[in-house]
PDB file of all heavy atoms in Angstrom:
ATOM      1  N   THR A   1      29.995  91.122  -3.162  1.00  0.00           N
ATOM      2  CA  THR A   1      30.056  89.727  -2.770  1.00  0.00           C
ATOM      3  C   THR A   1      31.530  89.356  -2.515  1.00  0.00           C
ATOM      4  O   THR A   1      32.377  89.613  -3.312  1.00  0.00           O
ATOM      5  CB  THR A   1      29.471  88.817  -3.868  1.00  0.00           C
ATOM      6  OG1 THR A   1      28.115  89.187  -4.096  1.00  0.00           O
ATOM      7  CG2 THR A   1      29.574  87.363  -3.466  1.00  0.00           C
ATOM      8  N   ALA A   2      31.748  88.741  -1.328  1.00  0.00           N
ATOM      9  CA  ALA A   2      33.092  88.402  -0.918  1.00  0.00           C
ATOM     10  C   ALA A   2      33.263  86.934  -0.720  1.00  0.00           C
ATOM     11  O   ALA A   2      32.345  86.240  -0.241  1.00  0.00           O
ATOM     12  CB  ALA A   2      33.462  89.117   0.406  1.00  0.00           C
ATOM     13  N   THR A   3      34.372  86.398  -1.163  1.00  0.00           N
ATOM     14  CA  THR A   3      34.765  84.986  -0.886  1.00  0.00           C
ATOM     15  C   THR A   3      35.775  85.017   0.276  1.00  0.00           C
ATOM     16  O   THR A   3      36.871  85.548   0.098  1.00  0.00           O
ATOM     17  CB  THR A   3      35.349  84.342  -2.098  1.00  0.00           C
ATOM     18  OG1 THR A   3      34.406  84.375  -3.189  1.00  0.00           O
ATOM     19  CG2 THR A   3      35.704  82.886  -1.820  1.00  0.00           C
ATOM     20  N   VAL A   4      35.360  84.472   1.407  1.00  0.00           N
ATOM     21  CA  VAL A   4      36.124  84.638   2.642  1.00  0.00           C
ATOM     22  C   VAL A   4      36.828  83.325   2.987  1.00  0.00           C
ATOM     23  O   VAL A   4      36.258  82.223   2.884  1.00  0.00           O
ATOM     24  CB  VAL A   4      35.175  85.034   3.815  1.00  0.00           C
ATOM     25  CG1 VAL A   4      35.976  85.361   5.062  1.00  0.00           C
ATOM     26  CG2 VAL A   4      34.338  86.237   3.410  1.00  0.00           C
ATOM     27  N   GLY A   5      38.072  83.485   3.448  1.00  0.00           N
ATOM     28  CA  GLY A   5      38.813  82.304   4.029  1.00  0.00           C
ATOM     29  C   GLY A   5      39.161  82.661   5.484  1.00  0.00           C
ATOM     30  O   GLY A   5      39.847  83.655   5.763  1.00  0.00           O
ATOM     31  N   ILE A   6      38.624  81.854   6.409  1.00  0.00           N
ATOM     32  CA  ILE A   6      38.864  82.076   7.824  1.00  0.00           C
ATOM     33  C   ILE A   6      39.858  81.043   8.346  1.00  0.00           C
ATOM     34  O   ILE A   6      39.630  79.811   8.188  1.00  0.00           O
ATOM     35  CB  ILE A   6      37.557  81.979   8.610  1.00  0.00           C
ATOM     36  CG1 ILE A   6      36.509  83.000   8.071  1.00  0.00           C
ATOM     37  CG2 ILE A   6      37.747  82.220  10.080  1.00  0.00           C
ATOM     38  CD1 ILE A   6      35.142  82.828   8.645  1.00  0.00           C
ATOM     39  N   VAL A   7      40.954  81.507   8.912  1.00  0.00           N
ATOM     40  CA  VAL A   7      42.016  80.604   9.424  1.00  0.00           C
ATOM     41  C   VAL A   7      41.575  80.109  10.778  1.00  0.00           C
ATOM     42  O   VAL A   7      41.518  80.839  11.750  1.00  0.00           O
ATOM     43  CB  VAL A   7      43.352  81.303   9.516  1.00  0.00           C
ATOM     44  CG1 VAL A   7      44.415  80.410  10.028  1.00  0.00           C
ATOM     45  CG2 VAL A   7      43.763  81.873   8.118  1.00  0.00           C
ATOM     46  N   THR A   8      41.305  78.793  10.901  1.00  0.00           N
ATOM     47  CA  THR A   8      40.891  78.204  12.179  1.00  0.00           C
ATOM     48  C   THR A   8      42.050  77.566  12.923  1.00  0.00           C
ATOM     49  O   THR A   8      41.931  77.350  14.129  1.00  0.00           O
ATOM     50  CB  THR A   8      39.805  77.136  11.899  1.00  0.00           C
ATOM     51  OG1 THR A   8      40.345  76.132  11.025  1.00  0.00           O
ATOM     52  CG2 THR A   8      38.586  77.752  11.271  1.00  0.00           C
ATOM     53  N   ALA A   9      43.133  77.224  12.238  1.00  0.00           N
ATOM     54  CA  ALA A   9      44.294  76.673  12.893  1.00  0.00           C
ATOM     55  C   ALA A   9      45.526  76.979  12.048  1.00  0.00           C
ATOM     56  O   ALA A   9      45.431  76.952  10.800  1.00  0.00           O
ATOM     57  CB  ALA A   9      44.192  75.166  13.147  1.00  0.00           C
ATOM     58  N   GLU A  10      46.665  77.291  12.667  1.00  0.00           N
ATOM     59  CA  GLU A  10      47.823  77.682  11.922  1.00  0.00           C
ATOM     60  C   GLU A  10      49.105  77.253  12.622  1.00  0.00           C
ATOM     61  O   GLU A  10      49.190  77.323  13.896  1.00  0.00           O
ATOM     62  CB  GLU A  10      47.838  79.216  11.696  1.00  0.00           C
ATOM     63  CG  GLU A  10      48.903  79.778  10.782  1.00  0.00           C
ATOM     64  CD  GLU A  10      48.780  81.227  10.566  1.00  0.00           C
ATOM     65  OE1 GLU A  10      48.094  81.878  11.373  1.00  0.00           O
ATOM     66  OE2 GLU A  10      49.371  81.723   9.603  1.00  0.00           O
ATOM     67  N   ARG A  11      50.069  76.775  11.865  1.00  0.00           N
ATOM     68  CA  ARG A  11      51.373  76.430  12.389  1.00  0.00           C
ATOM     69  C   ARG A  11      52.442  77.116  11.509  1.00  0.00           C
ATOM     70  O   ARG A  11      52.357  77.028  10.276  1.00  0.00           O
ATOM     71  CB  ARG A  11      51.610  74.910  12.361  1.00  0.00           C
ATOM     72  CG  ARG A  11      50.559  74.082  13.088  1.00  0.00           C
ATOM     73  CD  ARG A  11      50.717  74.133  14.556  1.00  0.00           C
ATOM     74  NE  ARG A  11      49.897  73.098  15.171  1.00  0.00           N
ATOM     75  CZ  ARG A  11      48.597  73.290  15.488  1.00  0.00           C
ATOM     76  NH1 ARG A  11      48.054  74.502  15.204  1.00  0.00           N
ATOM     77  NH2 ARG A  11      47.885  72.333  16.030  1.00  0.00           N
ATOM     78  N   ASP A  12      53.401  77.740  12.143  1.00  0.00           N
ATOM     79  CA  ASP A  12      54.479  78.475  11.408  1.00  0.00           C
ATOM     80  C   ASP A  12      55.815  77.728  11.580  1.00  0.00           C
ATOM     81  O   ASP A  12      56.099  77.207  12.647  1.00  0.00           O
ATOM     82  CB  ASP A  12      54.596  79.907  11.911  1.00  0.00           C
ATOM     83  CG  ASP A  12      53.404  80.731  11.552  1.00  0.00           C
ATOM     84  OD1 ASP A  12      52.797  80.501  10.492  1.00  0.00           O
ATOM     85  OD2 ASP A  12      53.035  81.640  12.347  1.00  0.00           O
ATOM     86  N   SER A  13      56.594  77.704  10.474  1.00  0.00           N
ATOM     87  CA  SER A  13      57.917  77.141  10.495  1.00  0.00           C
ATOM     88  C   SER A  13      57.937  75.716  10.990  1.00  0.00           C
ATOM     89  O   SER A  13      58.700  75.357  11.913  1.00  0.00           O
ATOM     90  CB  SER A  13      58.868  78.010  11.327  1.00  0.00           C
ATOM     91  OG  SER A  13      58.957  79.318  10.826  1.00  0.00           O
ATOM     92  N   VAL A  14      57.039  74.876  10.453  1.00  0.00           N
ATOM     93  CA  VAL A  14      56.978  73.477  10.843  1.00  0.00           C
ATOM     94  C   VAL A  14      57.400  72.655   9.595  1.00  0.00           C
ATOM     95  O   VAL A  14      57.306  73.059   8.463  1.00  0.00           O
ATOM     96  CB  VAL A  14      55.575  73.060  11.310  1.00  0.00           C
ATOM     97  CG1 VAL A  14      55.213  73.796  12.548  1.00  0.00           C
ATOM     98  CG2 VAL A  14      54.562  73.305  10.177  1.00  0.00           C
ATOM     99  N   LEU A  15      57.919  71.437   9.845  1.00  0.00           N
ATOM    100  CA  LEU A  15      58.266  70.507   8.752  1.00  0.00           C
ATOM    101  C   LEU A  15      56.971  70.030   8.128  1.00  0.00           C
ATOM    102  O   LEU A  15      56.015  69.593   8.821  1.00  0.00           O
ATOM    103  CB  LEU A  15      59.033  69.325   9.324  1.00  0.00           C
ATOM    104  CG  LEU A  15      59.551  68.332   8.287  1.00  0.00           C
ATOM    105  CD1 LEU A  15      60.511  68.984   7.288  1.00  0.00           C
ATOM    106  CD2 LEU A  15      60.195  67.134   8.972  1.00  0.00           C
ATOM    107  N   ARG A  16      56.896  70.121   6.778  1.00  0.00           N
ATOM    108  CA  ARG A  16      55.662  69.773   6.074  1.00  0.00           C
ATOM    109  C   ARG A  16      55.994  69.042   4.822  1.00  0.00           C
ATOM    110  O   ARG A  16      57.069  69.152   4.256  1.00  0.00           O
ATOM    111  CB  ARG A  16      54.848  71.049   5.781  1.00  0.00           C
ATOM    112  CG  ARG A  16      55.560  71.977   4.780  1.00  0.00           C
ATOM    113  CD  ARG A  16      54.774  73.202   4.543  1.00  0.00           C
ATOM    114  NE  ARG A  16      55.366  74.029   3.470  1.00  0.00           N
ATOM    115  CZ  ARG A  16      54.849  75.134   2.957  1.00  0.00           C
ATOM    116  NH1 ARG A  16      53.736  75.591   3.453  1.00  0.00           N
ATOM    117  NH2 ARG A  16      55.466  75.787   2.006  1.00  0.00           N
ATOM    118  N   VAL A  17      55.015  68.200   4.386  1.00  0.00           N
ATOM    119  CA  VAL A  17      55.141  67.507   3.109  1.00  0.00           C
ATOM    120  C   VAL A  17      53.832  67.703   2.307  1.00  0.00           C
ATOM    121  O   VAL A  17      52.753  67.914   2.900  1.00  0.00           O
ATOM    122  CB  VAL A  17      55.341  65.966   3.367  1.00  0.00           C
ATOM    123  CG1 VAL A  17      56.704  65.735   4.029  1.00  0.00           C
ATOM    124  CG2 VAL A  17      54.194  65.398   4.211  1.00  0.00           C
ATOM    125  N   PRO A  18      53.902  67.629   1.012  1.00  0.00           N
ATOM    126  CA  PRO A  18      52.675  67.763   0.190  1.00  0.00           C
ATOM    127  C   PRO A  18      51.701  66.592   0.512  1.00  0.00           C
ATOM    128  O   PRO A  18      52.134  65.454   0.794  1.00  0.00           O
ATOM    129  CB  PRO A  18      53.193  67.741  -1.266  1.00  0.00           C
ATOM    130  CG  PRO A  18      54.617  68.071  -1.175  1.00  0.00           C
ATOM    131  CD  PRO A  18      55.085  67.550   0.157  1.00  0.00           C
ATOM    132  N   ASP A  19      50.452  66.862   0.411  1.00  0.00           N
ATOM    133  CA  ASP A  19      49.470  65.787   0.661  1.00  0.00           C
ATOM    134  C   ASP A  19      49.572  64.648  -0.368  1.00  0.00           C
ATOM    135  O   ASP A  19      49.255  63.511  -0.062  1.00  0.00           O
ATOM    136  CB  ASP A  19      48.037  66.414   0.585  1.00  0.00           C
ATOM    137  CG  ASP A  19      47.698  67.201   1.822  1.00  0.00           C
ATOM    138  OD1 ASP A  19      48.523  67.228   2.749  1.00  0.00           O
ATOM    139  OD2 ASP A  19      46.636  67.819   1.859  1.00  0.00           O
ATOM    140  N   GLN A  20      50.081  64.919  -1.569  1.00  0.00           N
ATOM    141  CA  GLN A  20      50.274  63.862  -2.579  1.00  0.00           C
ATOM    142  C   GLN A  20      51.262  62.787  -2.100  1.00  0.00           C
ATOM    143  O   GLN A  20      51.139  61.636  -2.438  1.00  0.00           O
ATOM    144  CB  GLN A  20      50.726  64.463  -3.882  1.00  0.00           C
ATOM    145  CG  GLN A  20      49.717  65.261  -4.606  1.00  0.00           C
ATOM    146  CD  GLN A  20      50.289  65.846  -5.928  1.00  0.00           C
ATOM    147  OE1 GLN A  20      51.494  65.886  -6.111  1.00  0.00           O
ATOM    148  NE2 GLN A  20      49.398  66.313  -6.790  1.00  0.00           N
ATOM    149  N   ALA A  21      52.225  63.235  -1.271  1.00  0.00           N
ATOM    150  CA  ALA A  21      53.203  62.257  -0.806  1.00  0.00           C
ATOM    151  C   ALA A  21      52.558  61.244   0.164  1.00  0.00           C
ATOM    152  O   ALA A  21      53.028  60.080   0.202  1.00  0.00           O
ATOM    153  CB  ALA A  21      54.327  62.992  -0.057  1.00  0.00           C
ATOM    154  N   LEU A  22      51.489  61.583   0.851  1.00  0.00           N
ATOM    155  CA  LEU A  22      50.848  60.667   1.763  1.00  0.00           C
ATOM    156  C   LEU A  22      50.009  59.680   0.965  1.00  0.00           C
ATOM    157  O   LEU A  22      49.682  58.596   1.536  1.00  0.00           O
ATOM    158  CB  LEU A  22      49.966  61.442   2.745  1.00  0.00           C
ATOM    159  CG  LEU A  22      50.687  62.496   3.608  1.00  0.00           C
ATOM    160  CD1 LEU A  22      49.652  63.213   4.480  1.00  0.00           C
ATOM    161  CD2 LEU A  22      51.761  61.823   4.450  1.00  0.00           C
ATOM    162  N   ARG A  23      49.644  59.999  -0.243  1.00  0.00           N
ATOM    163  CA  ARG A  23      48.745  59.112  -1.029  1.00  0.00           C
ATOM    164  C   ARG A  23      49.551  58.281  -2.056  1.00  0.00           C
ATOM    165  O   ARG A  23      48.989  57.420  -2.676  1.00  0.00           O
ATOM    166  CB  ARG A  23      47.681  59.944  -1.754  1.00  0.00           C
ATOM    167  CG  ARG A  23      46.749  60.676  -0.771  1.00  0.00           C
ATOM    168  CD  ARG A  23      45.575  61.270  -1.534  1.00  0.00           C
ATOM    169  NE  ARG A  23      45.957  62.371  -2.374  1.00  0.00           N
ATOM    170  CZ  ARG A  23      45.882  63.628  -1.966  1.00  0.00           C
ATOM    171  NH1 ARG A  23      45.489  63.944  -0.773  1.00  0.00           N
ATOM    172  NH2 ARG A  23      46.251  64.586  -2.810  1.00  0.00           N
ATOM    173  N   TYR A  24      50.820  58.600  -2.216  1.00  0.00           N
ATOM    174  CA  TYR A  24      51.593  57.886  -3.253  1.00  0.00           C
ATOM    175  C   TYR A  24      51.973  56.471  -2.758  1.00  0.00           C
ATOM    176  O   TYR A  24      52.333  56.280  -1.612  1.00  0.00           O
ATOM    177  CB  TYR A  24      52.866  58.654  -3.549  1.00  0.00           C
ATOM    178  CG  TYR A  24      53.881  57.883  -4.416  1.00  0.00           C
ATOM    179  CD1 TYR A  24      53.615  57.675  -5.753  1.00  0.00           C
ATOM    180  CD2 TYR A  24      54.983  57.329  -3.859  1.00  0.00           C
ATOM    181  CE1 TYR A  24      54.501  56.946  -6.515  1.00  0.00           C
ATOM    182  CE2 TYR A  24      55.885  56.583  -4.615  1.00  0.00           C
ATOM    183  CZ  TYR A  24      55.603  56.414  -5.965  1.00  0.00           C
ATOM    184  OH  TYR A  24      56.489  55.672  -6.722  1.00  0.00           O
ATOM    185  N   LEU A  25      51.952  55.566  -3.707  1.00  0.00           N
ATOM    186  CA  LEU A  25      52.355  54.166  -3.451  1.00  0.00           C
ATOM    187  C   LEU A  25      53.123  53.667  -4.727  1.00  0.00           C
ATOM    188  O   LEU A  25      52.570  53.716  -5.849  1.00  0.00           O
ATOM    189  CB  LEU A  25      51.179  53.297  -3.156  1.00  0.00           C
ATOM    190  CG  LEU A  25      51.467  51.849  -2.729  1.00  0.00           C
ATOM    191  CD1 LEU A  25      52.148  51.856  -1.340  1.00  0.00           C
ATOM    192  CD2 LEU A  25      50.172  51.033  -2.680  1.00  0.00           C
ATOM    193  N   PRO A  26      54.380  53.203  -4.599  1.00  0.00           N
ATOM    194  CA  PRO A  26      55.105  52.746  -5.754  1.00  0.00           C
ATOM    195  C   PRO A  26      54.381  51.532  -6.388  1.00  0.00           C
ATOM    196  O   PRO A  26      53.672  50.783  -5.768  1.00  0.00           O
ATOM    197  CB  PRO A  26      56.481  52.320  -5.188  1.00  0.00           C
ATOM    198  CG  PRO A  26      56.576  53.060  -3.906  1.00  0.00           C
ATOM    199  CD  PRO A  26      55.174  53.170  -3.355  1.00  0.00           C
ATOM    200  N   THR A  27      54.629  51.373  -7.663  1.00  0.00           N
ATOM    201  CA  THR A  27      54.008  50.259  -8.456  1.00  0.00           C
ATOM    202  C   THR A  27      54.535  48.939  -7.843  1.00  0.00           C
ATOM    203  O   THR A  27      55.720  48.745  -7.663  1.00  0.00           O
ATOM    204  CB  THR A  27      54.386  50.362  -9.904  1.00  0.00           C
ATOM    205  OG1 THR A  27      53.903  51.642 -10.437  1.00  0.00           O
ATOM    206  CG2 THR A  27      53.752  49.237 -10.696  1.00  0.00           C
ATOM    207  N   GLY A  28      53.573  48.104  -7.553  1.00  0.00           N
ATOM    208  CA  GLY A  28      53.943  46.781  -7.018  1.00  0.00           C
ATOM    209  C   GLY A  28      54.092  46.705  -5.514  1.00  0.00           C
ATOM    210  O   GLY A  28      54.214  45.652  -4.931  1.00  0.00           O
ATOM    211  N   ALA A  29      54.085  47.865  -4.841  1.00  0.00           N
ATOM    212  CA  ALA A  29      54.203  47.869  -3.400  1.00  0.00           C
ATOM    213  C   ALA A  29      52.854  47.568  -2.749  1.00  0.00           C
ATOM    214  O   ALA A  29      51.820  47.928  -3.277  1.00  0.00           O
ATOM    215  CB  ALA A  29      54.725  49.247  -2.906  1.00  0.00           C
ATOM    216  N   SER A  30      52.875  46.960  -1.625  1.00  0.00           N
ATOM    217  CA  SER A  30      51.625  46.650  -0.869  1.00  0.00           C
ATOM    218  C   SER A  30      51.322  47.761   0.074  1.00  0.00           C
ATOM    219  O   SER A  30      52.210  48.496   0.549  1.00  0.00           O
ATOM    220  CB  SER A  30      51.793  45.346  -0.094  1.00  0.00           C
ATOM    221  OG  SER A  30      52.874  45.445   0.820  1.00  0.00           O
ATOM    222  N   VAL A  31      50.032  47.895   0.354  1.00  0.00           N
ATOM    223  CA  VAL A  31      49.568  48.950   1.249  1.00  0.00           C
ATOM    224  C   VAL A  31      49.780  48.487   2.672  1.00  0.00           C
ATOM    225  O   VAL A  31      49.192  47.459   3.080  1.00  0.00           O
ATOM    226  CB  VAL A  31      48.083  49.299   1.013  1.00  0.00           C
ATOM    227  CG1 VAL A  31      47.653  50.375   1.925  1.00  0.00           C
ATOM    228  CG2 VAL A  31      47.911  49.753  -0.437  1.00  0.00           C
ATOM    229  N   ALA A  32      50.569  49.214   3.427  1.00  0.00           N
ATOM    230  CA  ALA A  32      50.801  48.856   4.831  1.00  0.00           C
ATOM    231  C   ALA A  32      49.869  49.588   5.752  1.00  0.00           C
ATOM    232  O   ALA A  32      49.691  50.804   5.592  1.00  0.00           O
ATOM    233  CB  ALA A  32      52.256  49.173   5.181  1.00  0.00           C
ATOM    234  N   PRO A  33      49.227  48.940   6.680  1.00  0.00           N
ATOM    235  CA  PRO A  33      48.330  49.626   7.607  1.00  0.00           C
ATOM    236  C   PRO A  33      49.119  50.497   8.581  1.00  0.00           C
ATOM    237  O   PRO A  33      50.285  50.325   8.792  1.00  0.00           O
ATOM    238  CB  PRO A  33      47.614  48.463   8.330  1.00  0.00           C
ATOM    239  CG  PRO A  33      48.597  47.371   8.298  1.00  0.00           C
ATOM    240  CD  PRO A  33      49.275  47.479   6.955  1.00  0.00           C
ATOM    241  N   LYS A  34      48.407  51.435   9.134  1.00  0.00           N
ATOM    242  CA  LYS A  34      49.017  52.347  10.126  1.00  0.00           C
ATOM    243  C   LYS A  34      49.351  51.529  11.363  1.00  0.00           C
ATOM    244  O   LYS A  34      48.664  50.633  11.760  1.00  0.00           O
ATOM    245  CB  LYS A  34      48.112  53.522  10.466  1.00  0.00           C
ATOM    246  CG  LYS A  34      47.904  54.505   9.346  1.00  0.00           C
ATOM    247  CD  LYS A  34      47.077  55.655   9.781  1.00  0.00           C
ATOM    248  CE  LYS A  34      46.893  56.680   8.661  1.00  0.00           C
ATOM    249  NZ  LYS A  34      46.073  57.832   9.110  1.00  0.00           N
ATOM    250  N   SER A  35      50.469  51.957  12.018  1.00  0.00           N
ATOM    251  CA  SER A  35      50.839  51.286  13.256  1.00  0.00           C
ATOM    252  C   SER A  35      49.955  51.725  14.386  1.00  0.00           C
ATOM    253  O   SER A  35      49.155  52.659  14.251  1.00  0.00           O
ATOM    254  CB  SER A  35      52.318  51.570  13.534  1.00  0.00           C
ATOM    255  OG  SER A  35      52.465  52.954  13.837  1.00  0.00           O
ATOM    256  N   SER A  36      50.170  51.067  15.529  1.00  0.00           N
ATOM    257  CA  SER A  36      49.332  51.415  16.685  1.00  0.00           C
ATOM    258  C   SER A  36      49.590  52.823  17.204  1.00  0.00           C
ATOM    259  O   SER A  36      48.792  53.393  17.894  1.00  0.00           O
ATOM    260  CB  SER A  36      49.627  50.386  17.804  1.00  0.00           C
ATOM    261  OG  SER A  36      51.044  50.445  18.154  1.00  0.00           O
ATOM    262  N   LYS A  37      50.774  53.362  16.830  1.00  0.00           N
ATOM    263  CA  LYS A  37      51.082  54.731  17.249  1.00  0.00           C
ATOM    264  C   LYS A  37      50.542  55.761  16.294  1.00  0.00           C
ATOM    265  O   LYS A  37      50.806  56.937  16.422  1.00  0.00           O
ATOM    266  CB  LYS A  37      52.590  54.872  17.397  1.00  0.00           C
ATOM    267  CG  LYS A  37      53.191  53.988  18.478  1.00  0.00           C
ATOM    268  CD  LYS A  37      54.666  54.211  18.585  1.00  0.00           C
ATOM    269  CE  LYS A  37      55.320  53.349  19.699  1.00  0.00           C
ATOM    270  NZ  LYS A  37      56.750  53.594  19.819  1.00  0.00           N
ATOM    271  N   GLY A  38      49.799  55.343  15.279  1.00  0.00           N
ATOM    272  CA  GLY A  38      49.224  56.289  14.351  1.00  0.00           C
ATOM    273  C   GLY A  38      50.211  56.861  13.334  1.00  0.00           C
ATOM    274  O   GLY A  38      49.998  57.975  12.843  1.00  0.00           O
TER     275      GLY A  38
END
C-alpha cells in the first residue's frame, strides 16, 4: 500500500510566505477587504 503525492503545479525560487501570515490579524485591527486588484 502506497501513499502517493502527485505534483500538479510547481514554482522554484519564488518569493513565498507561510500561510499563517495571510490569516494573521493584530489584536484590535479591523479586517480590510481585498482591493479591486485582488
